[in-house]
């Protein structure tokens, strides 16, 4: 089908996620045709380096025949098996075992979902069940962080703290509370790590006391805040927060939907600081985006309370496609690829990416470069001393993304002028170098914009 026909069909029928519907109708879709490694090809045949791994998810890179073969083999043998009625399939059982073996501490129980949003939703249901089983039904209040992202489902979007996910939807709910993000670059206490940790601990303590310690059920945190602008807390931050939750008897949930599966270096970012959460959510890199799947990791002590509380009754939570055998077969092969060299390559490529982005620090528009491994960001400013962001008239989310695209690079351009990077772990040196070179070109072009020049310090 001709690309222009696809554009018209898309315009007429396909609703795109997190987009201006009228704006998208006016712009039209960019049709992607194929991909290999870290390179995607649009319908016209033009190639681009995917500096964002789809949507933080194609960690292994595109075009692995072994992943395709794993899916095809499973489709021929057993394309679907429900996990209801005490039934199961070999790939799902093996995957749960393999993941539990690699997960931090006693996260030995795994519930499979279709993605990150319903993984977060599942934790909320499990947590409510847990506290009811413990005889503490009043623990029904949940805390997360400003600029955090915990999915786009009805209740998960309330834990998310980004305006676009709240406006017009009647959320967050009154039982969903927020504390400030650590955000070192723009933290009121400055950029000193110890001061930031102390401020976050004080904020969490104050929020817990305000709600009532006996009412707080759980606290959610991403090891690195992804959709909030790739915000990297200071070392020791997540460990201190986790310990405070333990002191109050509050369940701690590590949302590793973005950071999991080699994105920051190790298989799970929690291991960077040797923490064991009560729950851990994953998705994206679990199957490298080849098929939908997410996973909730549940600690032994939580599982035992829920299981004992239910007794012979069913725990009434489940999805038709939980533990889907094709998704599980894909995830098993992706896990093999990670441990057969992709994690190692990701660490090497991540070091080159961070060094290359740091080399752009002298650019007049670069306020900060931050990141860990293959997860990074550049925050653009027009005044480095005052940290003044790009003016709204510069339309950073639209204009910078389009400009990078025209330069043969896919990145995430946030509305606040932050550029996000999450390339596939398979990137070669030349892939990383192309990301850096095309970023510099995009920055130079943005520097020439009249509305940027007008306010530049």
Protein backbone atom coordinates (compact mmCIF):
# COMPACT_ATOMS: atom_id res chain seq x y z
CA UNK A 1 0.00 0.00 0.00
CA UNK A 2 1.29 3.45 -0.89
CA UNK A 3 2.47 5.60 2.00
CA UNK A 4 0.04 8.40 1.18
CA UNK A 5 -2.87 5.93 1.34
CA UNK A 6 -1.70 4.77 4.75
CA UNK A 7 -1.48 8.37 5.93
CA UNK A 8 -5.11 8.96 4.99
CA UNK A 9 -6.30 5.71 6.56
CA UNK A 10 -4.41 6.55 9.73
CA UNK A 11 -5.85 10.05 9.79
CA UNK A 12 -9.37 8.67 9.45
CA UNK A 13 -9.27 5.71 11.84
CA UNK A 14 -6.25 5.18 14.12
CA UNK A 15 -6.25 6.86 17.54
CA UNK A 16 -2.66 7.47 18.64
CA UNK A 17 -1.56 7.40 22.30
CA UNK A 18 -0.78 10.66 24.12
CA UNK A 19 -1.29 12.88 21.10
CA UNK A 20 -3.29 15.91 20.05
CA UNK A 21 -5.94 14.24 17.91
CA UNK A 22 -6.55 17.33 15.78
CA UNK A 23 -2.85 18.10 15.68
CA UNK A 24 -2.09 14.59 14.48
CA UNK A 25 -4.78 14.81 11.80
CA UNK A 26 -3.10 17.96 10.51
CA UNK A 27 0.45 16.60 10.61
CA UNK A 28 -0.20 13.07 9.40
CA UNK A 29 1.56 9.88 10.46
CA UNK A 30 5.19 8.98 9.76
CA UNK A 31 5.05 5.38 8.62
CA UNK A 32 7.85 3.06 9.73
CA UNK A 33 8.47 0.12 7.39
CA UNK A 34 11.34 -1.96 8.77
CA UNK A 35 14.19 -2.02 11.28
CA UNK A 36 17.45 -3.78 11.99
CA UNK A 37 19.83 -3.36 14.90
CA UNK A 38 19.52 0.26 16.03
CA UNK A 39 18.31 1.53 12.64
CA UNK A 40 14.71 2.03 11.54
CA UNK A 41 13.56 2.67 7.97
CA UNK A 42 10.53 4.77 7.14
CA UNK A 43 8.20 4.09 4.22
CA UNK A 44 10.16 6.39 1.89
CA UNK A 45 13.29 4.29 2.47
CA UNK A 46 15.10 6.88 4.59
CA UNK A 47 17.01 5.41 7.55
CA UNK A 48 17.26 6.80 11.08
CA UNK A 49 19.19 5.81 14.19
CA UNK A 50 16.66 4.96 16.89
CA UNK A 51 18.04 6.74 19.92
CA UNK A 52 14.98 5.85 21.96
CA UNK A 53 14.53 2.10 21.33
CA UNK A 54 10.95 2.58 20.20
CA UNK A 55 9.46 3.70 23.50
CA UNK A 56 12.29 2.80 25.90
CA UNK A 57 11.61 -0.84 25.06
CA UNK A 58 13.53 -2.40 22.13
CA UNK A 59 16.50 -3.01 24.41
CA UNK A 60 17.87 -5.91 22.39
CA UNK A 61 17.57 -4.04 19.10
CA UNK A 62 15.54 -4.87 16.01
CA UNK A 63 15.64 -7.88 13.73
CA UNK A 64 16.84 -10.75 15.92
CA UNK A 65 15.86 -13.85 13.95
CA UNK A 66 16.14 -16.04 17.03
CA UNK A 67 13.40 -14.03 18.76
CA UNK A 68 11.13 -14.34 15.72
CA UNK A 69 11.83 -18.07 15.55
CA UNK A 70 11.02 -18.50 19.24
CA UNK A 71 7.64 -16.83 18.71
CA UNK A 72 6.88 -18.82 15.55
CA UNK A 73 7.86 -22.10 17.16
CA UNK A 74 5.61 -21.44 20.14
CA UNK A 75 2.72 -20.31 17.90
CA UNK A 76 2.89 -23.58 16.00
CA UNK A 77 3.08 -25.70 19.14
CA UNK A 78 0.75 -23.88 21.55
CA UNK A 79 -0.35 -20.37 20.51
CA UNK A 80 -2.41 -19.75 23.63
CA UNK A 81 -2.85 -21.27 27.05
CA UNK A 82 -4.84 -19.74 29.86
CA UNK A 83 -3.32 -19.55 33.31
CA UNK A 84 -6.82 -19.81 34.82
CA UNK A 85 -8.20 -23.14 36.14
CA UNK A 86 -4.75 -24.19 37.42
CA UNK A 87 -3.54 -24.54 33.84
CA UNK A 88 -0.21 -23.36 32.49
CA UNK A 89 2.39 -23.61 29.76
CA UNK A 90 6.05 -24.54 29.84
CA UNK A 91 7.39 -21.16 28.60
CA UNK A 92 5.51 -19.17 31.25
CA UNK A 93 6.53 -21.52 34.05
CA UNK A 94 10.17 -21.49 32.95
CA UNK A 95 10.17 -17.71 32.54
CA UNK A 96 8.79 -17.12 36.03
CA UNK A 97 11.50 -19.39 37.44
CA UNK A 98 14.31 -17.75 35.42
CA UNK A 99 13.21 -14.25 36.43
CA UNK A 100 12.81 -15.13 40.11
CA UNK A 101 16.31 -16.62 40.08
CA UNK A 102 17.74 -13.32 38.81
CA UNK A 103 15.58 -10.90 40.79
CA UNK A 104 16.90 -9.14 43.89
CA UNK A 105 16.46 -10.86 47.26
CA UNK A 106 13.25 -12.74 47.92
CA UNK A 107 11.22 -11.53 44.92
CA UNK A 108 10.39 -15.15 44.17
CA UNK A 109 6.84 -14.86 42.84
CA UNK A 110 5.95 -13.46 39.42
CA UNK A 111 2.56 -12.40 38.03
CA UNK A 112 2.53 -11.73 34.26
CA UNK A 113 0.62 -8.87 32.65
CA UNK A 114 0.43 -7.33 29.18
CA UNK A 115 2.62 -4.33 29.93
CA UNK A 116 3.74 -1.77 32.48
CA UNK A 117 0.44 0.01 33.10
CA UNK A 118 -1.45 -3.12 34.08
CA UNK A 119 1.57 -4.31 36.07
CA UNK A 120 1.24 -1.17 38.23
CA UNK A 121 -2.54 -1.64 38.38
CA UNK A 122 -1.98 -5.20 39.57
CA UNK A 123 0.27 -4.05 42.41
CA UNK A 124 -2.45 -1.70 43.65
CA UNK A 125 -4.94 -4.58 43.80
CA UNK A 126 -2.43 -6.92 45.44
CA UNK A 127 -1.47 -4.26 47.99
CA UNK A 128 -5.09 -3.63 48.96
CA UNK A 129 -5.63 -7.38 49.33
CA UNK A 130 -2.45 -7.68 51.40
CA UNK A 131 -3.49 -5.04 53.93
CA UNK A 132 -7.02 -6.45 54.17
CA UNK A 133 -5.52 -9.89 54.80
CA UNK A 134 -3.30 -8.35 57.48
CA UNK A 135 -6.38 -6.96 59.21
CA UNK A 136 -5.42 -3.35 58.42
CA UNK A 137 -8.06 -2.24 55.87
CA UNK A 138 -7.51 1.42 56.76
CA UNK A 139 -4.14 1.31 54.97
CA UNK A 140 -5.61 2.53 51.69
CA UNK A 141 -3.48 5.61 50.92
CA UNK A 142 -0.74 5.54 48.26
CA UNK A 143 2.23 7.90 47.77
CA UNK A 144 4.31 8.51 44.66
CA UNK A 145 6.50 11.34 43.38
CA UNK A 146 6.02 14.46 41.33
CA UNK A 147 7.28 13.95 37.76
CA UNK A 148 6.95 10.20 38.24
CA UNK A 149 5.33 7.91 35.71
CA UNK A 150 3.48 4.75 36.67
CA UNK A 151 1.36 4.04 33.65
CA UNK A 152 -1.73 5.29 31.88
CA UNK A 153 -4.46 3.07 33.35
CA UNK A 154 -7.26 4.62 35.40
CA UNK A 155 -5.57 4.24 38.79
CA UNK A 156 -1.96 4.06 37.59
CA UNK A 157 -2.32 7.41 35.86
CA UNK A 158 -3.22 8.87 39.25
CA UNK A 159 0.08 7.65 40.68
CA UNK A 160 1.70 9.19 37.61
CA UNK A 161 2.36 12.88 38.24
CA UNK A 162 2.47 14.42 34.77
CA UNK A 163 -0.21 16.99 33.86
CA UNK A 164 -1.17 15.49 30.48
CA UNK A 165 -2.20 12.24 32.16
CA UNK A 166 -4.51 14.05 34.60
CA UNK A 167 -6.11 16.85 32.60
CA UNK A 168 -9.71 16.04 31.71
CA UNK A 169 -9.68 12.62 33.38
CA UNK A 170 -10.71 13.47 36.95
CA UNK A 171 -7.54 12.13 38.51
CA UNK A 172 -5.55 11.77 40.71
CA UNK A 173 -7.92 10.27 43.25
CA UNK A 174 -8.00 11.60 46.81
CA UNK A 175 -6.11 8.54 48.08
CA UNK A 176 -3.16 9.23 45.78
CA UNK A 177 -0.53 11.58 47.22
CA UNK A 178 2.76 13.04 45.95
CA UNK A 179 6.07 14.21 47.34
CA UNK A 180 8.58 16.32 45.36
CA UNK A 181 10.96 14.68 42.90
CA UNK A 182 14.64 14.63 43.95
CA UNK A 183 15.48 16.34 40.58
CA UNK A 184 19.09 17.38 41.38
CA UNK A 185 19.35 19.98 38.60
CA UNK A 186 16.34 21.94 39.87
CA UNK A 187 16.08 20.95 43.51
CA UNK A 188 15.41 23.90 45.89
CA UNK A 189 18.14 22.63 48.24
CA UNK A 190 20.75 22.64 45.47
CA UNK A 191 22.61 19.78 43.81
CA UNK A 192 24.36 18.30 46.86
CA UNK A 193 23.38 14.65 47.08
CA UNK A 194 23.20 14.43 50.87
CA UNK A 195 21.01 17.53 51.07
CA UNK A 196 18.67 16.13 48.41
CA UNK A 197 18.37 12.79 50.24
CA UNK A 198 17.66 14.59 53.52
CA UNK A 199 15.01 16.77 51.84
CA UNK A 200 13.28 13.75 50.26
CA UNK A 201 13.28 11.84 53.55
CA UNK A 202 11.82 14.87 55.32
CA UNK A 203 9.14 15.26 52.63
CA UNK A 204 8.16 11.59 52.81
CA UNK A 205 8.06 11.62 56.61
CA UNK A 206 5.91 14.76 56.57
CA UNK A 207 3.50 13.25 54.04
CA UNK A 208 3.22 10.01 56.03
CA UNK A 209 2.54 11.93 59.26
CA UNK A 210 0.03 14.18 57.48
CA UNK A 211 -1.91 11.17 56.17
CA UNK A 212 -1.37 9.09 59.30
CA UNK A 213 1.20 6.26 59.41
CA UNK A 214 -1.57 3.73 60.04
CA UNK A 215 -3.27 4.77 56.77
CA UNK A 216 -0.35 4.57 54.30
CA UNK A 217 -0.28 1.41 52.22
CA UNK A 218 2.61 1.90 49.80
CA UNK A 219 5.18 4.17 48.19
CA UNK A 220 6.12 4.00 44.50
CA UNK A 221 9.41 5.11 42.93
CA UNK A 222 11.30 4.67 39.70
CA UNK A 223 15.05 4.15 40.22
CA UNK A 224 15.40 6.82 37.52
CA UNK A 225 12.34 8.88 36.64
CA UNK A 226 11.85 8.27 32.93
CA UNK A 227 8.94 10.20 31.43
CA UNK A 228 9.44 13.00 33.95
CA UNK A 229 12.66 13.88 32.13
CA UNK A 230 15.18 11.12 32.91
CA UNK A 231 15.76 12.41 36.44
CA UNK A 232 18.64 10.59 38.14
CA UNK A 233 18.53 10.71 41.96
CA UNK A 234 21.82 11.01 43.85
CA UNK A 235 23.52 7.78 44.87
CA UNK A 236 22.05 6.48 48.10
CA UNK A 237 18.67 8.15 47.54
CA UNK A 238 16.57 5.08 46.73
CA UNK A 239 18.21 3.04 49.49
CA UNK A 240 17.42 5.72 52.08
CA UNK A 241 13.82 6.01 50.89
CA UNK A 242 13.39 2.24 50.92
CA UNK A 243 14.67 2.04 54.51
CA UNK A 244 12.31 4.80 55.65
CA UNK A 245 9.38 2.86 54.18
CA UNK A 246 10.56 -0.21 56.06
CA UNK A 247 10.68 1.76 59.33
CA UNK A 248 7.05 2.79 58.87
CA UNK A 249 5.96 -0.67 57.70
CA UNK A 250 4.96 0.75 54.32
CA UNK A 251 5.28 -1.41 51.21
CA UNK A 252 7.92 -0.15 48.74
CA UNK A 253 7.35 -0.63 45.02
CA UNK A 254 10.23 -0.20 42.57
CA UNK A 255 8.84 0.61 39.13
CA UNK A 256 11.46 -0.80 36.76
CA UNK A 257 9.32 -0.77 33.63
CA UNK A 258 11.90 1.52 31.98
CA UNK A 259 15.06 0.76 33.96
CA UNK A 260 14.79 -3.02 33.88
CA UNK A 261 16.66 -5.41 31.58
CA UNK A 262 19.97 -3.69 31.08
CA UNK A 263 18.79 -0.15 30.49
CA UNK A 264 21.06 1.22 33.27
CA UNK A 265 23.67 -1.56 33.07
CA UNK A 266 22.64 -4.52 35.25
CA UNK A 267 19.54 -6.61 34.59
CA UNK A 268 17.67 -4.62 37.26
CA UNK A 269 18.56 -1.11 38.44
CA UNK A 270 17.65 -2.03 42.04
CA UNK A 271 20.86 -4.02 42.20
CA UNK A 272 22.87 -0.83 41.60
CA UNK A 273 22.23 0.07 45.23
CA UNK A 274 21.52 -3.37 46.64
CA UNK A 275 17.89 -2.78 47.56
CA UNK A 276 15.11 -5.35 47.64
CA UNK A 277 11.62 -3.85 47.17
CA UNK A 278 8.40 -5.52 48.28
CA UNK A 279 7.16 -5.40 44.68
CA UNK A 280 8.97 -4.69 41.42
CA UNK A 281 7.19 -3.94 38.15
CA UNK A 282 8.78 -4.59 34.75
CA UNK A 283 7.73 -4.64 31.08
CA UNK A 284 9.31 -3.04 27.96
CA UNK A 285 12.73 -4.74 27.89
CA UNK A 286 11.22 -7.99 29.19
CA UNK A 287 10.39 -8.95 25.59
CA UNK A 288 12.39 -6.12 24.00
CA UNK A 289 9.06 -4.81 22.72
CA UNK A 290 8.65 -7.66 20.23
CA UNK A 291 5.37 -8.74 21.88
CA UNK A 292 3.36 -7.31 24.79
CA UNK A 293 4.23 -8.51 28.29
CA UNK A 294 4.82 -7.14 31.76
CA UNK A 295 5.63 -8.71 35.10
CA UNK A 296 4.98 -8.04 38.77
CA UNK A 297 7.63 -9.46 41.11
CA UNK A 298 6.25 -10.13 44.59
CA UNK A 299 8.34 -10.78 47.72
CA UNK A 300 7.83 -13.97 49.70
CA UNK A 301 6.43 -12.22 52.76
CA UNK A 302 3.79 -10.41 50.69
CA UNK A 303 2.84 -13.54 48.76
CA UNK A 304 2.47 -15.54 51.96
CA UNK A 305 0.11 -12.99 53.54
CA UNK A 306 -2.08 -12.92 50.41
CA UNK A 307 -2.04 -16.70 50.01
CA UNK A 308 -2.79 -17.40 53.66
CA UNK A 309 -5.45 -14.69 53.73
CA UNK A 310 -7.25 -16.21 50.77
CA UNK A 311 -7.01 -19.78 52.05
CA UNK A 312 -9.11 -21.96 49.76
CA UNK A 313 -10.77 -18.96 48.10
CA UNK A 314 -9.61 -17.57 44.78
CA UNK A 315 -7.67 -14.29 44.72
CA UNK A 316 -9.90 -12.53 42.21
CA UNK A 317 -7.38 -10.86 39.98
CA UNK A 318 -6.41 -11.99 36.50
CA UNK A 319 -6.21 -11.21 32.79
CA UNK A 320 -7.07 -13.33 29.77
CA UNK A 321 -3.54 -12.98 28.45
CA UNK A 322 -1.64 -13.36 31.73
CA UNK A 323 1.35 -15.68 31.23
CA UNK A 324 0.80 -15.83 27.48
CA UNK A 325 2.97 -18.67 26.12
CA UNK A 326 4.15 -16.79 23.00
CA UNK A 327 5.16 -13.73 25.00
CA UNK A 328 6.91 -15.97 27.52
CA UNK A 329 8.80 -17.82 24.78
CA UNK A 330 9.96 -14.49 23.36
CA UNK A 331 11.01 -13.24 26.82
CA UNK A 332 13.06 -16.39 27.42
CA UNK A 333 14.97 -15.87 24.19
CA UNK A 334 15.45 -12.16 24.89
CA UNK A 335 16.81 -13.03 28.34
CA UNK A 336 19.25 -15.46 26.71
CA UNK A 337 20.43 -12.72 24.34
CA UNK A 338 20.93 -10.27 27.21
CA UNK A 339 23.18 -12.71 29.01
CA UNK A 340 24.93 -13.81 25.83
CA UNK A 341 26.59 -10.43 25.31
CA UNK A 342 23.93 -7.72 25.01
CA UNK A 343 24.16 -6.58 28.63
CA UNK A 344 27.93 -6.37 28.29
CA UNK A 345 27.65 -4.43 25.04
CA UNK A 346 25.08 -2.11 26.63
CA UNK A 347 27.51 -1.21 29.40
CA UNK A 348 30.21 -0.42 26.84
CA UNK A 349 27.83 1.53 24.59
CA UNK A 350 26.37 3.35 27.59
CA UNK A 351 29.80 4.60 28.62
CA UNK A 352 30.38 5.88 25.07
CA UNK A 353 26.94 7.50 24.99
CA UNK A 354 27.45 9.32 28.28
CA UNK A 355 30.94 10.46 27.28
CA UNK A 356 29.63 11.72 23.95
CA UNK A 357 26.75 13.61 25.51
CA UNK A 358 29.05 15.10 28.15
CA UNK A 359 31.12 16.36 25.23
CA UNK A 360 28.14 18.54 24.28
CA UNK A 361 28.17 20.32 27.66
CA UNK A 362 29.95 23.32 26.17
CA UNK A 363 27.08 23.99 23.78
CA UNK A 364 25.28 27.28 24.63
CA UNK A 365 21.93 25.48 25.01
CA UNK A 366 23.06 22.58 27.19
CA UNK A 367 22.29 23.13 30.87
CA UNK A 368 22.87 19.60 32.12
CA UNK A 369 23.76 16.15 30.84
CA UNK A 370 22.59 13.30 33.08
CA UNK A 371 22.02 9.58 32.90
CA UNK A 372 23.17 6.09 33.72
CA UNK A 373 24.08 3.44 31.19
CA UNK A 374 21.85 3.57 28.12
CA UNK A 375 19.39 5.98 29.74
CA UNK A 376 20.30 9.63 29.42
CA UNK A 377 19.07 13.18 28.95
CA UNK A 378 20.18 16.65 27.97
CA UNK A 379 18.32 19.55 29.57
CA UNK A 380 18.25 22.60 27.32
CA UNK A 381 18.37 26.14 28.71
CA UNK A 382 18.87 29.65 27.38
CA UNK A 383 20.72 30.81 30.51
CA UNK A 384 23.13 28.36 32.14
CA UNK A 385 23.54 30.37 35.33
CA UNK A 386 19.82 30.87 35.95
CA UNK A 387 18.88 27.51 34.36
CA UNK A 388 16.21 29.26 32.31
CA UNK A 389 14.36 26.73 30.12
CA UNK A 390 13.67 27.21 26.44
CA UNK A 391 10.70 29.53 25.82
CA UNK A 392 7.35 27.87 25.15
CA UNK A 393 7.33 29.63 21.77
CA UNK A 394 10.25 27.39 20.76
CA UNK A 395 7.88 24.39 21.00
CA UNK A 396 10.71 22.07 22.11
CA UNK A 397 8.64 18.89 22.09
CA UNK A 398 7.54 19.35 18.48
CA UNK A 399 10.27 21.39 16.84
CA UNK A 400 13.29 19.60 18.33
CA UNK A 401 11.81 16.16 17.65
CA UNK A 402 11.07 17.10 14.04
CA UNK A 403 14.52 18.58 13.57
CA UNK A 404 16.24 15.51 14.99
CA UNK A 405 14.07 13.33 12.74
CA UNK A 406 15.11 15.34 9.71
CA UNK A 407 18.71 14.79 10.81
CA UNK A 408 18.18 11.02 10.87
CA UNK A 409 17.78 10.61 14.65
CA UNK A 410 14.88 9.53 16.84
CA UNK A 411 14.95 10.89 20.40
CA UNK A 412 12.36 11.85 23.00
CA UNK A 413 11.83 15.60 23.10
CA UNK A 414 9.94 16.62 26.23
CA UNK A 415 7.86 19.78 26.41
CA UNK A 416 10.17 21.27 29.06
CA UNK A 417 13.15 21.17 26.70
CA UNK A 418 14.67 17.89 27.91
CA UNK A 419 16.00 15.50 25.28
CA UNK A 420 15.73 11.83 26.25
CA UNK A 421 17.94 8.98 25.05
CA UNK A 422 17.44 5.23 25.45
CA UNK A 423 19.13 3.49 22.51
CA UNK A 424 19.10 -0.28 22.01
CA UNK A 425 21.80 -2.17 23.92
CA UNK A 426 23.08 -3.59 20.62
CA UNK A 427 24.39 -0.18 19.47
CA UNK A 428 27.77 -0.17 17.77
CA UNK A 429 30.34 2.59 18.21
CA UNK A 430 29.20 4.10 14.93
CA UNK A 431 25.56 4.09 16.11
CA UNK A 432 26.50 5.99 19.27
CA UNK A 433 28.71 8.40 17.36
CA UNK A 434 25.86 9.09 14.93
CA UNK A 435 23.53 9.86 17.86
CA UNK A 436 26.04 12.39 19.23
CA UNK A 437 26.82 14.01 15.89
CA UNK A 438 23.15 14.35 14.93
CA UNK A 439 22.30 15.71 18.36
CA UNK A 440 24.94 18.43 17.98
CA UNK A 441 23.56 19.33 14.57
CA UNK A 442 20.06 19.53 16.03
CA UNK A 443 21.28 21.76 18.86
CA UNK A 444 23.07 24.08 16.44
CA UNK A 445 19.93 24.44 14.35
CA UNK A 446 17.84 25.13 17.45
CA UNK A 447 20.36 27.77 18.51
CA UNK A 448 19.60 29.59 15.25
CA UNK A 449 15.86 29.82 15.96
CA UNK A 450 14.87 33.50 16.28
CA UNK A 451 12.76 32.90 19.39
CA UNK A 452 15.68 31.11 21.05
CA UNK A 453 18.23 33.74 19.97
CA UNK A 454 15.98 36.48 21.34
CA UNK A 455 16.11 35.17 24.91
CA UNK A 456 19.57 33.60 24.92
CA UNK A 457 21.73 34.91 27.76
